[in-house]
Amino acid sequence: MTKLKLGAIPDDKPVKLTVDLPADVHRDLTAYAEALSAQTGQQLDPARLVAPMLARFMATDRGFARVRSGGGKT
């Protein structure tokens, strides 16, 4: 099976945030949740993937890291 970038999702108290997603993004998010569920054995609501995906994206964005450390322009 293909190794996905996300691993098991920790059970954490969330902050409520409401967003509108394009239908194609929601379909992909649902498919990703299904694939991750098969890989980890966790039953996952696609909405629970948004925060770890955003965190992973920001953690690996070199431009954001430069801006955050004060070394880049905003």
PDB file of N, CA and C in Angstrom:
ATOM      1  N   MET A   1       0.839  -1.181   0.000  1.00  0.00           N
ATOM      2  CA  MET A   1       0.000   0.000   0.000  1.00  0.00           C
ATOM      3  C   MET A   1       0.886   1.247   0.000  1.00  0.00           C
ATOM      4  N   THR A   2       0.441   2.292  -0.630  1.00  0.00           N
ATOM      5  CA  THR A   2       1.165   3.544  -0.697  1.00  0.00           C
ATOM      6  C   THR A   2       1.224   4.208   0.674  1.00  0.00           C
ATOM      7  N   LYS A   3       2.393   4.719   1.047  1.00  0.00           N
ATOM      8  CA  LYS A   3       2.573   5.427   2.309  1.00  0.00           C
ATOM      9  C   LYS A   3       2.089   6.859   2.132  1.00  0.00           C
ATOM     10  N   LEU A   4       1.097   7.278   2.921  1.00  0.00           N
ATOM     11  CA  LEU A   4       0.561   8.634   2.855  1.00  0.00           C
ATOM     12  C   LEU A   4       1.378   9.565   3.745  1.00  0.00           C
ATOM     13  N   LYS A   5       1.331  10.860   3.460  1.00  0.00           N
ATOM     14  CA  LYS A   5       2.092  11.831   4.242  1.00  0.00           C
ATOM     15  C   LYS A   5       1.576  11.978   5.661  1.00  0.00           C
ATOM     16  N   LEU A   6       0.275  11.777   5.863  1.00  0.00           N
ATOM     17  CA  LEU A   6      -0.283  11.882   7.202  1.00  0.00           C
ATOM     18  C   LEU A   6      -0.286  10.520   7.861  1.00  0.00           C
ATOM     19  N   GLY A   7      -0.090  10.525   9.167  1.00  0.00           N
ATOM     20  CA  GLY A   7      -0.181   9.302   9.943  1.00  0.00           C
ATOM     21  C   GLY A   7      -1.463   9.322  10.749  1.00  0.00           C
ATOM     22  N   ALA A   8      -1.467   8.617  11.861  1.00  0.00           N
ATOM     23  CA  ALA A   8      -2.642   8.592  12.728  1.00  0.00           C
ATOM     24  C   ALA A   8      -2.950  10.010  13.217  1.00  0.00           C
ATOM     25  N   ILE A   9      -4.234  10.322  13.320  1.00  0.00           N
ATOM     26  CA  ILE A   9      -4.666  11.654  13.736  1.00  0.00           C
ATOM     27  C   ILE A   9      -4.860  11.636  15.258  1.00  0.00           C
ATOM     28  N   PRO A  10      -4.140  12.521  15.982  1.00  0.00           N
ATOM     29  CA  PRO A  10      -4.292  12.542  17.437  1.00  0.00           C
ATOM     30  C   PRO A  10      -5.668  13.077  17.831  1.00  0.00           C
ATOM     31  N   ASP A  11      -6.161  12.608  18.968  1.00  0.00           N
ATOM     32  CA  ASP A  11      -7.426  13.096  19.491  1.00  0.00           C
ATOM     33  C   ASP A  11      -7.122  14.361  20.268  1.00  0.00           C
ATOM     34  N   ASP A  12      -7.496  15.504  19.723  1.00  0.00           N
ATOM     35  CA  ASP A  12      -7.142  16.801  20.280  1.00  0.00           C
ATOM     36  C   ASP A  12      -8.381  17.680  20.328  1.00  0.00           C
ATOM     37  N   LYS A  13      -8.455  18.587  21.301  1.00  0.00           N
ATOM     38  CA  LYS A  13      -9.595  19.502  21.385  1.00  0.00           C
ATOM     39  C   LYS A  13      -9.443  20.572  20.307  1.00  0.00           C
ATOM     40  N   PRO A  14     -10.388  20.629  19.368  1.00  0.00           N
ATOM     41  CA  PRO A  14     -10.272  21.559  18.253  1.00  0.00           C
ATOM     42  C   PRO A  14     -10.822  22.952  18.550  1.00  0.00           C
ATOM     43  N   VAL A  15     -10.433  23.890  17.715  1.00  0.00           N
ATOM     44  CA  VAL A  15     -11.007  25.222  17.674  1.00  0.00           C
ATOM     45  C   VAL A  15     -11.938  25.225  16.473  1.00  0.00           C
ATOM     46  N   LYS A  16     -13.152  25.686  16.650  1.00  0.00           N
ATOM     47  CA  LYS A  16     -14.157  25.652  15.585  1.00  0.00           C
ATOM     48  C   LYS A  16     -13.815  26.675  14.504  1.00  0.00           C
ATOM     49  N   LEU A  17     -13.801  26.211  13.261  1.00  0.00           N
ATOM     50  CA  LEU A  17     -13.543  27.058  12.107  1.00  0.00           C
ATOM     51  C   LEU A  17     -14.446  26.558  10.991  1.00  0.00           C
ATOM     52  N   THR A  18     -15.161  27.456  10.349  1.00  0.00           N
ATOM     53  CA  THR A  18     -16.068  27.068   9.274  1.00  0.00           C
ATOM     54  C   THR A  18     -15.501  27.562   7.955  1.00  0.00           C
ATOM     55  N   VAL A  19     -15.372  26.656   6.987  1.00  0.00           N
ATOM     56  CA  VAL A  19     -14.869  27.013   5.660  1.00  0.00           C
ATOM     57  C   VAL A  19     -15.756  26.376   4.598  1.00  0.00           C
ATOM     58  N   ASP A  20     -15.787  26.974   3.439  1.00  0.00           N
ATOM     59  CA  ASP A  20     -16.464  26.409   2.284  1.00  0.00           C
ATOM     60  C   ASP A  20     -15.401  25.842   1.359  1.00  0.00           C
ATOM     61  N   LEU A  21     -15.572  24.591   0.948  1.00  0.00           N
ATOM     62  CA  LEU A  21     -14.630  23.937   0.048  1.00  0.00           C
ATOM     63  C   LEU A  21     -15.279  23.728  -1.310  1.00  0.00           C
ATOM     64  N   PRO A  22     -14.504  23.861  -2.365  1.00  0.00           N
ATOM     65  CA  PRO A  22     -15.027  23.470  -3.675  1.00  0.00           C
ATOM     66  C   PRO A  22     -15.354  21.978  -3.647  1.00  0.00           C
ATOM     67  N   ALA A  23     -16.346  21.576  -4.442  1.00  0.00           N
ATOM     68  CA  ALA A  23     -16.797  20.181  -4.452  1.00  0.00           C
ATOM     69  C   ALA A  23     -15.667  19.215  -4.778  1.00  0.00           C
ATOM     70  N   ASP A  24     -14.798  19.573  -5.717  1.00  0.00           N
ATOM     71  CA  ASP A  24     -13.712  18.656  -6.079  1.00  0.00           C
ATOM     72  C   ASP A  24     -12.710  18.483  -4.942  1.00  0.00           C
ATOM     73  N   VAL A  25     -12.474  19.528  -4.169  1.00  0.00           N
ATOM     74  CA  VAL A  25     -11.570  19.426  -3.016  1.00  0.00           C
ATOM     75  C   VAL A  25     -12.206  18.528  -1.952  1.00  0.00           C
ATOM     76  N   HIS A  26     -13.502  18.679  -1.740  1.00  0.00           N
ATOM     77  CA  HIS A  26     -14.191  17.829  -0.763  1.00  0.00           C
ATOM     78  C   HIS A  26     -14.159  16.363  -1.194  1.00  0.00           C
ATOM     79  N   ARG A  27     -14.346  16.096  -2.478  1.00  0.00           N
ATOM     80  CA  ARG A  27     -14.268  14.715  -2.967  1.00  0.00           C
ATOM     81  C   ARG A  27     -12.882  14.129  -2.719  1.00  0.00           C
ATOM     82  N   ASP A  28     -11.848  14.919  -2.996  1.00  0.00           N
ATOM     83  CA  ASP A  28     -10.480  14.450  -2.772  1.00  0.00           C
ATOM     84  C   ASP A  28     -10.199  14.247  -1.286  1.00  0.00           C
ATOM     85  N   LEU A  29     -10.706  15.143  -0.452  1.00  0.00           N
ATOM     86  CA  LEU A  29     -10.524  15.023   0.991  1.00  0.00           C
ATOM     87  C   LEU A  29     -11.202  13.754   1.509  1.00  0.00           C
ATOM     88  N   THR A  30     -12.389  13.456   0.995  1.00  0.00           N
ATOM     89  CA  THR A  30     -13.109  12.247   1.378  1.00  0.00           C
ATOM     90  C   THR A  30     -12.339  11.001   0.934  1.00  0.00           C
ATOM     91  N   ALA A  31     -11.811  11.028  -0.277  1.00  0.00           N
ATOM     92  CA  ALA A  31     -11.022   9.898  -0.777  1.00  0.00           C
ATOM     93  C   ALA A  31      -9.754   9.720   0.056  1.00  0.00           C
ATOM     94  N   TYR A  32      -9.117  10.826   0.441  1.00  0.00           N
ATOM     95  CA  TYR A  32      -7.913  10.748   1.271  1.00  0.00           C
ATOM     96  C   TYR A  32      -8.255  10.147   2.632  1.00  0.00           C
ATOM     97  N   ALA A  33      -9.379  10.571   3.205  1.00  0.00           N
ATOM     98  CA  ALA A  33      -9.801  10.031   4.502  1.00  0.00           C
ATOM     99  C   ALA A  33     -10.032   8.526   4.407  1.00  0.00           C
ATOM    100  N   GLU A  34     -10.625   8.080   3.317  1.00  0.00           N
ATOM    101  CA  GLU A  34     -10.846   6.643   3.125  1.00  0.00           C
ATOM    102  C   GLU A  34      -9.521   5.893   3.018  1.00  0.00           C
ATOM    103  N   ALA A  35      -8.576   6.448   2.259  1.00  0.00           N
ATOM    104  CA  ALA A  35      -7.268   5.811   2.105  1.00  0.00           C
ATOM    105  C   ALA A  35      -6.517   5.771   3.434  1.00  0.00           C
ATOM    106  N   LEU A  36      -6.570   6.869   4.172  1.00  0.00           N
ATOM    107  CA  LEU A  36      -5.891   6.926   5.464  1.00  0.00           C
ATOM    108  C   LEU A  36      -6.550   5.983   6.466  1.00  0.00           C
ATOM    109  N   SER A  37      -7.862   5.878   6.410  1.00  0.00           N
ATOM    110  CA  SER A  37      -8.580   4.950   7.279  1.00  0.00           C
ATOM    111  C   SER A  37      -8.134   3.515   7.008  1.00  0.00           C
ATOM    112  N   ALA A  38      -7.996   3.181   5.740  1.00  0.00           N
ATOM    113  CA  ALA A  38      -7.541   1.838   5.373  1.00  0.00           C
ATOM    114  C   ALA A  38      -6.118   1.598   5.856  1.00  0.00           C
ATOM    115  N   GLN A  39      -5.284   2.629   5.814  1.00  0.00           N
ATOM    116  CA  GLN A  39      -3.874   2.493   6.198  1.00  0.00           C
ATOM    117  C   GLN A  39      -3.695   2.416   7.707  1.00  0.00           C
ATOM    118  N   THR A  40      -4.466   3.215   8.464  1.00  0.00           N
ATOM    119  CA  THR A  40      -4.253   3.312   9.910  1.00  0.00           C
ATOM    120  C   THR A  40      -5.245   2.510  10.740  1.00  0.00           C
ATOM    121  N   GLY A  41      -6.354   2.114  10.123  1.00  0.00           N
ATOM    122  CA  GLY A  41      -7.385   1.400  10.867  1.00  0.00           C
ATOM    123  C   GLY A  41      -8.310   2.316  11.647  1.00  0.00           C
ATOM    124  N   GLN A  42      -8.098   3.627  11.577  1.00  0.00           N
ATOM    125  CA  GLN A  42      -8.972   4.598  12.240  1.00  0.00           C
ATOM    126  C   GLN A  42     -10.122   4.937  11.300  1.00  0.00           C
ATOM    127  N   GLN A  43     -11.326   5.093  11.843  1.00  0.00           N
ATOM    128  CA  GLN A  43     -12.427   5.622  11.053  1.00  0.00           C
ATOM    129  C   GLN A  43     -12.344   7.141  11.170  1.00  0.00           C
ATOM    130  N   LEU A  44     -12.152   7.819  10.041  1.00  0.00           N
ATOM    131  CA  LEU A  44     -11.908   9.259  10.066  1.00  0.00           C
ATOM    132  C   LEU A  44     -12.958  10.035   9.306  1.00  0.00           C
ATOM    133  N   ASP A  45     -13.432  11.107   9.933  1.00  0.00           N
ATOM    134  CA  ASP A  45     -14.274  12.082   9.268  1.00  0.00           C
ATOM    135  C   ASP A  45     -13.331  12.954   8.437  1.00  0.00           C
ATOM    136  N   PRO A  46     -13.622  13.178   7.160  1.00  0.00           N
ATOM    137  CA  PRO A  46     -12.724  13.994   6.329  1.00  0.00           C
ATOM    138  C   PRO A  46     -12.392  15.355   6.943  1.00  0.00           C
ATOM    139  N   ALA A  47     -13.316  15.942   7.676  1.00  0.00           N
ATOM    140  CA  ALA A  47     -13.061  17.257   8.285  1.00  0.00           C
ATOM    141  C   ALA A  47     -11.902  17.210   9.275  1.00  0.00           C
ATOM    142  N   ARG A  48     -11.658  16.052   9.889  1.00  0.00           N
ATOM    143  CA  ARG A  48     -10.555  15.937  10.847  1.00  0.00           C
ATOM    144  C   ARG A  48      -9.194  15.968  10.184  1.00  0.00           C
ATOM    145  N   LEU A  49      -9.156  15.825   8.866  1.00  0.00           N
ATOM    146  CA  LEU A  49      -7.879  15.843   8.151  1.00  0.00           C
ATOM    147  C   LEU A  49      -7.400  17.252   7.826  1.00  0.00           C
ATOM    148  N   VAL A  50      -8.300  18.210   7.829  1.00  0.00           N
ATOM    149  CA  VAL A  50      -7.954  19.567   7.395  1.00  0.00           C
ATOM    150  C   VAL A  50      -6.832  20.152   8.247  1.00  0.00           C
ATOM    151  N   ALA A  51      -6.951  20.084   9.560  1.00  0.00           N
ATOM    152  CA  ALA A  51      -5.928  20.678  10.434  1.00  0.00           C
ATOM    153  C   ALA A  51      -4.561  20.020  10.263  1.00  0.00           C
ATOM    154  N   PRO A  52      -4.458  18.672  10.293  1.00  0.00           N
ATOM    155  CA  PRO A  52      -3.131  18.086  10.099  1.00  0.00           C
ATOM    156  C   PRO A  52      -2.562  18.353   8.713  1.00  0.00           C
ATOM    157  N   MET A  53      -3.428  18.428   7.708  1.00  0.00           N
ATOM    158  CA  MET A  53      -2.940  18.739   6.360  1.00  0.00           C
ATOM    159  C   MET A  53      -2.399  20.160   6.294  1.00  0.00           C
ATOM    160  N   LEU A  54      -3.124  21.098   6.887  1.00  0.00           N
ATOM    161  CA  LEU A  54      -2.635  22.482   6.909  1.00  0.00           C
ATOM    162  C   LEU A  54      -1.342  22.598   7.712  1.00  0.00           C
ATOM    163  N   ALA A  55      -1.286  21.909   8.843  1.00  0.00           N
ATOM    164  CA  ALA A  55      -0.072  21.944   9.668  1.00  0.00           C
ATOM    165  C   ALA A  55       1.112  21.381   8.895  1.00  0.00           C
ATOM    166  N   ARG A  56       0.893  20.270   8.201  1.00  0.00           N
ATOM    167  CA  ARG A  56       1.964  19.654   7.404  1.00  0.00           C
ATOM    168  C   ARG A  56       2.409  20.586   6.284  1.00  0.00           C
ATOM    169  N   PHE A  57       1.443  21.198   5.624  1.00  0.00           N
ATOM    170  CA  PHE A  57       1.748  22.136   4.546  1.00  0.00           C
ATOM    171  C   PHE A  57       2.596  23.295   5.067  1.00  0.00           C
ATOM    172  N   MET A  58       2.178  23.902   6.171  1.00  0.00           N
ATOM    173  CA  MET A  58       2.915  25.048   6.710  1.00  0.00           C
ATOM    174  C   MET A  58       4.288  24.639   7.233  1.00  0.00           C
ATOM    175  N   ALA A  59       4.387  23.445   7.805  1.00  0.00           N
ATOM    176  CA  ALA A  59       5.669  22.978   8.342  1.00  0.00           C
ATOM    177  C   ALA A  59       6.692  22.720   7.241  1.00  0.00           C
ATOM    178  N   THR A  60       6.233  22.431   6.039  1.00  0.00           N
ATOM    179  CA  THR A  60       7.160  22.123   4.950  1.00  0.00           C
ATOM    180  C   THR A  60       7.287  23.245   3.929  1.00  0.00           C
ATOM    181  N   ASP A  61       6.655  24.377   4.187  1.00  0.00           N
ATOM    182  CA  ASP A  61       6.727  25.529   3.276  1.00  0.00           C
ATOM    183  C   ASP A  61       7.936  26.384   3.662  1.00  0.00           C
ATOM    184  N   ARG A  62       8.977  26.313   2.870  1.00  0.00           N
ATOM    185  CA  ARG A  62      10.226  27.026   3.191  1.00  0.00           C
ATOM    186  C   ARG A  62      10.042  28.539   3.212  1.00  0.00           C
ATOM    187  N   GLY A  63       9.226  29.055   2.310  1.00  0.00           N
ATOM    188  CA  GLY A  63       8.966  30.497   2.290  1.00  0.00           C
ATOM    189  C   GLY A  63       8.300  30.946   3.574  1.00  0.00           C
ATOM    190  N   PHE A  64       7.336  30.188   4.037  1.00  0.00           N
ATOM    191  CA  PHE A  64       6.654  30.513   5.290  1.00  0.00           C
ATOM    192  C   PHE A  64       7.625  30.438   6.459  1.00  0.00           C
ATOM    193  N   ALA A  65       8.516  29.451   6.450  1.00  0.00           N
ATOM    194  CA  ALA A  65       9.501  29.327   7.522  1.00  0.00           C
ATOM    195  C   ALA A  65      10.399  30.559   7.575  1.00  0.00           C
ATOM    196  N   ARG A  66      10.793  31.060   6.403  1.00  0.00           N
ATOM    197  CA  ARG A  66      11.639  32.270   6.358  1.00  0.00           C
ATOM    198  C   ARG A  66      10.892  33.467   6.909  1.00  0.00           C
ATOM    199  N   VAL A  67       9.639  33.638   6.481  1.00  0.00           N
ATOM    200  CA  VAL A  67       8.831  34.767   6.964  1.00  0.00           C
ATOM    201  C   VAL A  67       8.625  34.663   8.468  1.00  0.00           C
ATOM    202  N   ARG A  68       8.318  33.472   8.920  1.00  0.00           N
ATOM    203  CA  ARG A  68       8.050  33.278  10.344  1.00  0.00           C
ATOM    204  C   ARG A  68       9.284  33.528  11.201  1.00  0.00           C
ATOM    205  N   SER A  69      10.449  33.211  10.692  1.00  0.00           N
ATOM    206  CA  SER A  69      11.682  33.424  11.458  1.00  0.00           C
ATOM    207  C   SER A  69      12.191  34.857  11.335  1.00  0.00           C
ATOM    208  N   GLY A  70      11.491  35.659  10.533  1.00  0.00           N
ATOM    209  CA  GLY A  70      11.892  37.061  10.391  1.00  0.00           C
ATOM    210  C   GLY A  70      12.897  37.283   9.290  1.00  0.00           C
ATOM    211  N   GLY A  71      13.218  36.253   8.524  1.00  0.00           N
ATOM    212  CA  GLY A  71      14.220  36.374   7.476  1.00  0.00           C
ATOM    213  C   GLY A  71      13.663  36.696   6.103  1.00  0.00           C
ATOM    214  N   GLY A  72      12.348  36.819   5.995  1.00  0.00           N
ATOM    215  CA  GLY A  72      11.760  37.081   4.685  1.00  0.00           C
ATOM    216  C   GLY A  72      10.759  38.200   4.755  1.00  0.00           C
ATOM    217  N   LYS A  73      10.370  38.673   3.591  1.00  0.00           N
ATOM    218  CA  LYS A  73       9.367  39.736   3.517  1.00  0.00           C
ATOM    219  C   LYS A  73       7.986  39.110   3.479  1.00  0.00           C
ATOM    220  N   THR A  74       7.017  39.805   4.046  1.00  0.00           N
ATOM    221  CA  THR A  74       5.639  39.310   4.027  1.00  0.00           C
ATOM    222  C   THR A  74       4.915  39.749   2.793  1.00  0.00           C
TER     223      THR A  74
END
